[in-house]
C-alpha atoms as a PDB file:
ATOM      1  CA  MET A   1      89.700   0.375 -12.084  1.00  0.00           C
ATOM      2  CA  LYS A   2      91.339  -2.301 -10.175  1.00  0.00           C
ATOM      3  CA  GLY A   3      89.377  -5.358  -8.743  1.00  0.00           C
ATOM      4  CA  LYS A   4      88.881  -5.579  -4.973  1.00  0.00           C
ATOM      5  CA  LYS A   5      89.971  -8.487  -3.099  1.00  0.00           C
ATOM      6  CA  GLU A   6      87.385 -10.833  -1.847  1.00  0.00           C
ATOM      7  CA  ASN A   7      87.222 -11.730   1.835  1.00  0.00           C
ATOM      8  CA  TYR A   8      87.270 -15.197   1.245  1.00  0.00           C
ATOM      9  CA  LYS A   9      90.181 -17.676  -0.543  1.00  0.00           C
ATOM     10  CA  ILE A  10      89.162 -19.836  -3.456  1.00  0.00           C
ATOM     11  CA  GLU A  11      91.099 -22.919  -3.394  1.00  0.00           C
ATOM     12  CA  LYS A  12      93.196 -23.873  -6.362  1.00  0.00           C
ATOM     13  CA  PRO A  13      92.721 -27.091  -8.100  1.00  0.00           C
ATOM     14  CA  ARG A  14      95.112 -29.785  -6.804  1.00  0.00           C
ATOM     15  CA  ILE A  15      96.623 -31.127  -9.946  1.00  0.00           C
ATOM     16  CA  PRO A  16      99.821 -33.336  -9.986  1.00  0.00           C
ATOM     17  CA  ASP A  17     102.651 -32.060 -12.089  1.00  0.00           C
ATOM     18  CA  LYS A  18     102.753 -35.299 -14.184  1.00  0.00           C
ATOM     19  CA  LEU A  19      99.607 -36.058 -16.257  1.00  0.00           C
ATOM     20  CA  ASP A  20      98.896 -38.539 -19.100  1.00  0.00           C
ATOM     21  CA  GLU A  21      98.276 -36.780 -22.461  1.00  0.00           C
ATOM     22  CA  LEU A  22      95.312 -37.115 -24.626  1.00  0.00           C
ATOM     23  CA  GLN A  23      95.071 -35.488 -27.816  1.00  0.00           C
ATOM     24  CA  SER A  24      92.173 -37.398 -28.813  1.00  0.00           C
ATOM     25  CA  PHE A  25      88.739 -37.626 -26.828  1.00  0.00           C
ATOM     26  CA  ASN A  26      87.008 -40.000 -29.342  1.00  0.00           C
ATOM     27  CA  ASN A  27      84.698 -42.657 -27.695  1.00  0.00           C
ATOM     28  CA  ILE A  28      86.624 -42.304 -24.534  1.00  0.00           C
ATOM     29  CA  ILE A  29      83.066 -41.481 -22.305  1.00  0.00           C
ATOM     30  CA  GLU A  30      81.661 -44.648 -24.034  1.00  0.00           C
ATOM     31  CA  LYS A  31      84.567 -46.688 -22.557  1.00  0.00           C
ATOM     32  CA  GLU A  32      84.848 -45.127 -19.091  1.00  0.00           C
ATOM     33  CA  ASP A  33      82.838 -42.585 -17.034  1.00  0.00           C
ATOM     34  CA  PHE A  34      85.865 -41.765 -14.404  1.00  0.00           C
ATOM     35  CA  ILE A  35      88.753 -39.967 -16.127  1.00  0.00           C
ATOM     36  CA  SER A  36      91.787 -38.657 -13.745  1.00  0.00           C
ATOM     37  CA  GLU A  37      95.199 -37.293 -13.982  1.00  0.00           C
ATOM     38  CA  LYS A  38      95.032 -36.225 -17.692  1.00  0.00           C
ATOM     39  CA  ILE A  39      95.669 -33.393 -19.841  1.00  0.00           C
ATOM     40  CA  ILE A  40      93.373 -33.006 -22.852  1.00  0.00           C
ATOM     41  CA  PHE A  41      94.837 -30.640 -25.348  1.00  0.00           C
ATOM     42  CA  ASN A  42      94.309 -29.195 -29.001  1.00  0.00           C
ATOM     43  CA  CYS A  43      91.498 -31.132 -29.836  1.00  0.00           C
ATOM     44  CA  SER A  44      87.439 -30.914 -30.317  1.00  0.00           C
ATOM     45  CA  ILE A  45      84.950 -32.957 -28.069  1.00  0.00           C
ATOM     46  CA  GLU A  46      82.158 -33.263 -30.622  1.00  0.00           C
ATOM     47  CA  ASN A  47      78.786 -35.129 -30.385  1.00  0.00           C
ATOM     48  CA  GLN A  48      79.126 -36.336 -26.953  1.00  0.00           C
ATOM     49  CA  THR A  49      76.173 -37.180 -24.503  1.00  0.00           C
ATOM     50  CA  ALA A  50      76.633 -38.939 -21.153  1.00  0.00           C
ATOM     51  CA  GLU A  51      75.594 -38.338 -17.557  1.00  0.00           C
ATOM     52  CA  HIS A  52      77.352 -38.560 -14.266  1.00  0.00           C
ATOM     53  CA  VAL A  53      80.665 -38.476 -15.947  1.00  0.00           C
ATOM     54  CA  ASN A  54      83.511 -37.733 -13.457  1.00  0.00           C
ATOM     55  CA  PHE A  55      86.694 -35.795 -14.170  1.00  0.00           C
ATOM     56  CA  LYS A  56      89.236 -35.293 -11.235  1.00  0.00           C
ATOM     57  CA  GLN A  57      92.761 -33.805 -11.846  1.00  0.00           C
ATOM     58  CA  VAL A  58      92.390 -33.014 -15.478  1.00  0.00           C
ATOM     59  CA  ILE A  59      93.539 -30.369 -17.553  1.00  0.00           C
ATOM     60  CA  PHE A  60      91.785 -29.069 -20.798  1.00  0.00           C
ATOM     61  CA  ARG A  61      93.816 -26.854 -22.640  1.00  0.00           C
ATOM     62  CA  ASN A  62      92.724 -25.509 -26.258  1.00  0.00           C
ATOM     63  CA  VAL A  63      89.923 -27.850 -26.235  1.00  0.00           C
ATOM     64  CA  THR A  64      86.525 -27.043 -28.438  1.00  0.00           C
ATOM     65  CA  PHE A  65      83.179 -28.599 -27.137  1.00  0.00           C
ATOM     66  CA  LYS A  66      80.494 -29.021 -29.747  1.00  0.00           C
ATOM     67  CA  LYS A  67      77.094 -30.449 -29.336  1.00  0.00           C
ATOM     68  CA  VAL A  68      78.272 -31.826 -25.767  1.00  0.00           C
ATOM     69  CA  SER A  69      75.985 -32.591 -23.042  1.00  0.00           C
ATOM     70  CA  PHE A  70      77.521 -34.176 -19.960  1.00  0.00           C
ATOM     71  CA  ARG A  71      74.419 -33.676 -17.482  1.00  0.00           C
ATOM     72  CA  TYR A  72      75.270 -34.099 -13.703  1.00  0.00           C
ATOM     73  CA  ILE A  73      79.016 -34.068 -14.486  1.00  0.00           C
ATOM     74  CA  ASP A  74      81.515 -33.986 -11.571  1.00  0.00           C
ATOM     75  CA  LEU A  75      84.537 -31.673 -11.980  1.00  0.00           C
ATOM     76  CA  THR A  76      86.849 -31.816  -9.082  1.00  0.00           C
ATOM     77  CA  ASP A  77      90.502 -30.242  -9.449  1.00  0.00           C
ATOM     78  CA  VAL A  78      89.922 -29.512 -13.068  1.00  0.00           C
ATOM     79  CA  LYS A  79      91.306 -26.502 -15.260  1.00  0.00           C
ATOM     80  CA  PHE A  80      89.948 -25.361 -18.420  1.00  0.00           C
ATOM     81  CA  GLU A  81      92.328 -22.931 -20.301  1.00  0.00           C
ATOM     82  CA  ASN A  82      91.362 -21.338 -23.530  1.00  0.00           C
ATOM     83  CA  CYS A  83      88.614 -23.497 -24.304  1.00  0.00           C
ATOM     84  CA  ASP A  84      85.279 -23.043 -25.899  1.00  0.00           C
ATOM     85  CA  LEU A  85      82.497 -24.566 -23.917  1.00  0.00           C
ATOM     86  CA  SER A  86      79.678 -22.573 -25.883  1.00  0.00           C
ATOM     87  CA  ASN A  87      76.348 -24.027 -25.469  1.00  0.00           C
ATOM     88  CA  VAL A  88      77.650 -26.939 -23.529  1.00  0.00           C
ATOM     89  CA  ASP A  89      74.937 -28.775 -21.234  1.00  0.00           C
ATOM     90  CA  PHE A  90      76.419 -29.263 -17.625  1.00  0.00           C
ATOM     91  CA  TYR A  91      72.834 -29.249 -16.138  1.00  0.00           C
ATOM     92  CA  GLY A  92      73.197 -30.428 -12.494  1.00  0.00           C
ATOM     93  CA  ALA A  93      76.694 -30.347 -12.198  1.00  0.00           C
ATOM     94  CA  ILE A  94      79.148 -30.385  -9.227  1.00  0.00           C
ATOM     95  CA  ILE A  95      82.066 -28.436  -9.554  1.00  0.00           C
ATOM     96  CA  TYR A  96      84.906 -28.190  -6.968  1.00  0.00           C
ATOM     97  CA  ARG A  97      88.119 -26.417  -7.010  1.00  0.00           C
ATOM     98  CA  VAL A  98      87.984 -25.427 -10.837  1.00  0.00           C
ATOM     99  CA  GLU A  99      89.234 -22.709 -12.875  1.00  0.00           C
ATOM    100  CA  MET A 100      87.814 -21.627 -16.275  1.00  0.00           C
ATOM    101  CA  LEU A 101      90.838 -19.066 -17.687  1.00  0.00           C
ATOM    102  CA  ASN A 102      90.037 -17.407 -21.010  1.00  0.00           C
ATOM    103  CA  CYS A 103      87.229 -19.653 -22.101  1.00  0.00           C
ATOM    104  CA  LYS A 104      84.230 -19.110 -24.022  1.00  0.00           C
ATOM    105  CA  ILE A 105      81.102 -20.077 -22.222  1.00  0.00           C
ATOM    106  CA  LEU A 106      78.488 -18.371 -24.332  1.00  0.00           C
ATOM    107  CA  GLY A 107      75.078 -20.073 -23.569  1.00  0.00           C
ATOM    108  CA  ILE A 108      76.619 -22.853 -21.170  1.00  0.00           C
ATOM    109  CA  ASN A 109      73.896 -24.462 -19.193  1.00  0.00           C
ATOM    110  CA  LEU A 110      74.797 -24.985 -15.651  1.00  0.00           C
ATOM    111  CA  SER A 111      71.231 -24.813 -14.160  1.00  0.00           C
ATOM    112  CA  GLU A 112      70.777 -26.544 -10.956  1.00  0.00           C
ATOM    113  CA  SER A 113      74.577 -26.707 -10.234  1.00  0.00           C
ATOM    114  CA  THR A 114      76.635 -26.583  -7.356  1.00  0.00           C
ATOM    115  CA  LEU A 115      80.037 -24.557  -7.585  1.00  0.00           C
ATOM    116  CA  GLN A 116      82.409 -24.342  -4.783  1.00  0.00           C
ATOM    117  CA  ASN A 117      85.844 -23.015  -5.162  1.00  0.00           C
ATOM    118  CA  VAL A 118      85.544 -21.906  -8.585  1.00  0.00           C
ATOM    119  CA  LEU A 119      87.295 -19.139 -10.585  1.00  0.00           C
ATOM    120  CA  PHE A 120      86.081 -17.905 -14.157  1.00  0.00           C
ATOM    121  CA  GLU A 121      88.701 -15.199 -15.129  1.00  0.00           C
ATOM    122  CA  ASN A 122      88.529 -13.642 -18.684  1.00  0.00           C
ATOM    123  CA  CYS A 123      85.761 -15.609 -19.853  1.00  0.00           C
ATOM    124  CA  THR A 124      83.096 -14.664 -22.681  1.00  0.00           C
ATOM    125  CA  GLY A 125      79.827 -15.791 -21.404  1.00  0.00           C
ATOM    126  CA  PRO A 126      76.736 -14.015 -22.774  1.00  0.00           C
ATOM    127  CA  TYR A 127      73.576 -15.820 -22.275  1.00  0.00           C
ATOM    128  CA  ALA A 128      75.163 -18.229 -19.681  1.00  0.00           C
ATOM    129  CA  SER A 129      72.619 -20.054 -17.574  1.00  0.00           C
ATOM    130  CA  PHE A 130      73.049 -20.614 -13.886  1.00  0.00           C
ATOM    131  CA  PRO A 131      69.531 -20.545 -12.443  1.00  0.00           C
ATOM    132  CA  PHE A 132      68.633 -22.522  -9.212  1.00  0.00           C
ATOM    133  CA  SER A 133      72.281 -23.111  -8.624  1.00  0.00           C
ATOM    134  CA  ASN A 134      74.491 -22.976  -5.318  1.00  0.00           C
ATOM    135  CA  PHE A 135      77.761 -20.675  -5.277  1.00  0.00           C
ATOM    136  CA  LYS A 136      80.093 -20.784  -2.424  1.00  0.00           C
ATOM    137  CA  GLN A 137      83.531 -19.127  -2.737  1.00  0.00           C
ATOM    138  CA  VAL A 138      83.143 -18.333  -6.448  1.00  0.00           C
ATOM    139  CA  THR A 139      84.677 -15.357  -8.465  1.00  0.00           C
ATOM    140  CA  PHE A 140      83.977 -13.910 -11.815  1.00  0.00           C
ATOM    141  CA  ASN A 141      86.916 -11.725 -12.849  1.00  0.00           C
ATOM    142  CA  HIS A 142      87.146  -9.810 -15.869  1.00  0.00           C
ATOM    143  CA  CYS A 143      84.045 -11.605 -17.568  1.00  0.00           C
ATOM    144  CA  SER A 144      81.352 -10.658 -19.912  1.00  0.00           C
ATOM    145  CA  LEU A 145      78.021 -12.007 -18.664  1.00  0.00           C
ATOM    146  CA  LEU A 146      75.509  -9.980 -20.709  1.00  0.00           C
ATOM    147  CA  ASN A 147      72.122 -11.367 -20.398  1.00  0.00           C
ATOM    148  CA  SER A 148      73.249 -14.243 -18.222  1.00  0.00           C
ATOM    149  CA  ASN A 149      70.803 -15.966 -15.680  1.00  0.00           C
ATOM    150  CA  PHE A 150      71.178 -16.460 -11.990  1.00  0.00           C
ATOM    151  CA  GLN A 151      67.507 -16.493 -11.336  1.00  0.00           C
ATOM    152  CA  GLU A 152      66.453 -18.258  -7.934  1.00  0.00           C
ATOM    153  CA  SER A 153      70.231 -19.170  -7.125  1.00  0.00           C
ATOM    154  CA  ASN A 154      71.844 -19.109  -3.864  1.00  0.00           C
ATOM    155  CA  LEU A 155      74.949 -16.699  -3.711  1.00  0.00           C
ATOM    156  CA  ASN A 156      77.326 -17.266  -0.866  1.00  0.00           C
ATOM    157  CA  LYS A 157      80.855 -15.585  -0.873  1.00  0.00           C
ATOM    158  CA  ILE A 158      80.461 -14.785  -4.741  1.00  0.00           C
ATOM    159  CA  GLY A 159      82.545 -11.855  -6.289  1.00  0.00           C
ATOM    160  CA  PHE A 160      81.898 -10.048  -9.473  1.00  0.00           C
ATOM    161  CA  LEU A 161      84.967  -8.058 -10.275  1.00  0.00           C
ATOM    162  CA  ASN A 162      85.358  -6.016 -13.406  1.00  0.00           C
ATOM    163  CA  SER A 163      82.679  -7.980 -15.304  1.00  0.00           C
ATOM    164  CA  ASN A 164      79.722  -7.316 -17.485  1.00  0.00           C
ATOM    165  CA  LEU A 165      76.548  -8.299 -16.016  1.00  0.00           C
ATOM    166  CA  MET A 166      74.236  -5.981 -18.255  1.00  0.00           C
ATOM    167  CA  GLU A 167      70.678  -7.320 -18.624  1.00  0.00           C
ATOM    168  CA  ALA A 168      71.505 -10.228 -16.299  1.00  0.00           C
ATOM    169  CA  GLU A 169      68.508 -11.928 -14.731  1.00  0.00           C
ATOM    170  CA  MET A 170      68.639 -12.034 -10.793  1.00  0.00           C
ATOM    171  CA  SER A 171      65.158 -12.145  -9.686  1.00  0.00           C
ATOM    172  CA  GLY A 172      64.589 -14.215  -6.637  1.00  0.00           C
ATOM    173  CA  THR A 173      68.347 -14.237  -5.773  1.00  0.00           C
ATOM    174  CA  LYS A 174      69.247 -12.488  -2.491  1.00  0.00           C
ATOM    175  CA  LEU A 175      72.114  -9.959  -3.517  1.00  0.00           C
ATOM    176  CA  LYS A 176      72.831  -8.934   0.172  1.00  0.00           C
ATOM    177  CA  GLY A 177      76.646  -8.225   0.718  1.00  0.00           C
ATOM    178  CA  ILE A 178      77.627  -8.479  -2.845  1.00  0.00           C
ATOM    179  CA  ASP A 179      79.742  -5.854  -4.363  1.00  0.00           C
ATOM    180  CA  PHE A 180      78.842  -4.883  -7.704  1.00  0.00           C
ATOM    181  CA  THR A 181      81.059  -1.706  -7.672  1.00  0.00           C
ATOM    182  CA  THR A 182      83.469  -2.541 -10.241  1.00  0.00           C
ATOM    183  CA  SER A 183      81.141  -4.032 -12.726  1.00  0.00           C
ATOM    184  CA  ILE A 184      78.385  -3.167 -15.093  1.00  0.00           C
ATOM    185  CA  ILE A 185      74.948  -3.930 -13.841  1.00  0.00           C
ATOM    186  CA  GLU A 186      72.782  -1.734 -16.027  1.00  0.00           C
ATOM    187  CA  GLY A 187      69.426  -3.410 -17.035  1.00  0.00           C
ATOM    188  CA  ILE A 188      69.695  -6.402 -14.566  1.00  0.00           C
ATOM    189  CA  SER A 189      66.312  -7.654 -13.439  1.00  0.00           C
ATOM    190  CA  ALA A 190      65.794  -8.238  -9.758  1.00  0.00           C
ATOM    191  CA  GLY A 191      63.184  -7.435  -7.127  1.00  0.00           C
ATOM    192  CA  ILE A 192      63.509  -4.662  -4.697  1.00  0.00           C
ATOM    193  CA  GLU A 193      63.686  -7.309  -1.913  1.00  0.00           C
ATOM    194  CA  ASP A 194      66.612  -9.113  -4.003  1.00  0.00           C
ATOM    195  CA  LEU A 195      68.686  -5.884  -3.898  1.00  0.00           C
ATOM    196  CA  TYR A 196      68.551  -5.345  -0.262  1.00  0.00           C
ATOM    197  CA  GLY A 197      72.019  -4.901   1.155  1.00  0.00           C
ATOM    198  CA  ALA A 198      73.790  -5.139  -2.343  1.00  0.00           C
ATOM    199  CA  ILE A 199      76.815  -3.036  -2.370  1.00  0.00           C
ATOM    200  CA  VAL A 200      76.587  -0.718  -5.599  1.00  0.00           C
ATOM    201  CA  SER A 201      78.216   2.705  -6.651  1.00  0.00           C
ATOM    202  CA  PRO A 202      76.023   6.257  -6.637  1.00  0.00           C
ATOM    203  CA  VAL A 203      75.932   5.840 -10.462  1.00  0.00           C
ATOM    204  CA  GLN A 204      74.817   2.258 -10.242  1.00  0.00           C
ATOM    205  CA  ALA A 205      72.354   3.257  -7.444  1.00  0.00           C
ATOM    206  CA  VAL A 206      70.591   5.563  -9.901  1.00  0.00           C
ATOM    207  CA  SER A 207      70.244   3.183 -12.556  1.00  0.00           C
ATOM    208  CA  LEU A 208      68.607   0.568 -10.012  1.00  0.00           C
ATOM    209  CA  SER A 209      66.299   3.399  -8.851  1.00  0.00           C
ATOM    210  CA  LYS A 210      64.317   2.565 -12.109  1.00  0.00           C
ATOM    211  CA  LEU A 211      63.621  -0.762 -10.512  1.00  0.00           C
ATOM    212  CA  MET A 212      61.725   0.748  -7.699  1.00  0.00           C
ATOM    213  CA  GLY A 213      59.562   3.029  -9.916  1.00  0.00           C
ATOM    214  CA  LEU A 214      61.522   6.047  -8.937  1.00  0.00           C
ATOM    215  CA  ILE A 215      62.153   9.208 -11.411  1.00  0.00           C
ATOM    216  CA  VAL A 216      65.670  10.751 -10.492  1.00  0.00           C
ATOM    217  CA  LYS A 217      65.841  14.466 -11.885  1.00  0.00           C
END
């Protein structure tokens, strides 16, 4: 099934054509907390902990993050391509004009974050955690988000296209106007009041009726 076009436009990252190359990330965070106009590629970033690090106009390509905690990170005009961000701690992040393409985001922690003009495409993210976050003009396209957590989040102009949201936690999150018809939402956790105005297919409606205590024969 083809994905539906959203009625909003996501601004792409504004990245210059020429970037300085980095193939090693060791100790760079210890020296500076603002990194700009770089392409970081074919490397691992391991055992790094910092707060309020700022990346602007940066491309991460084929980078693996291991035991990384960048709380309150600021990402502006950034692209992640074929990266592994599994279990990365980006708590309290500010993410603006960012693309994550063909990335692993299993267990990523983006709790209490702000995301605007962000595209997740072909990402694998079971157990990804976004509770208490603010989303504006964000699209998940062909993403696996099984058991993900969007509890108590504010979703404004968000698209879930051809994505798997099975068993996702969405309680306390208003889903009015959000189109789930191309995605899998079986087993999601949400209150009746949260689901008011959500756009679903007839088959999805039958599945969601269980949340209302209905028995469909």
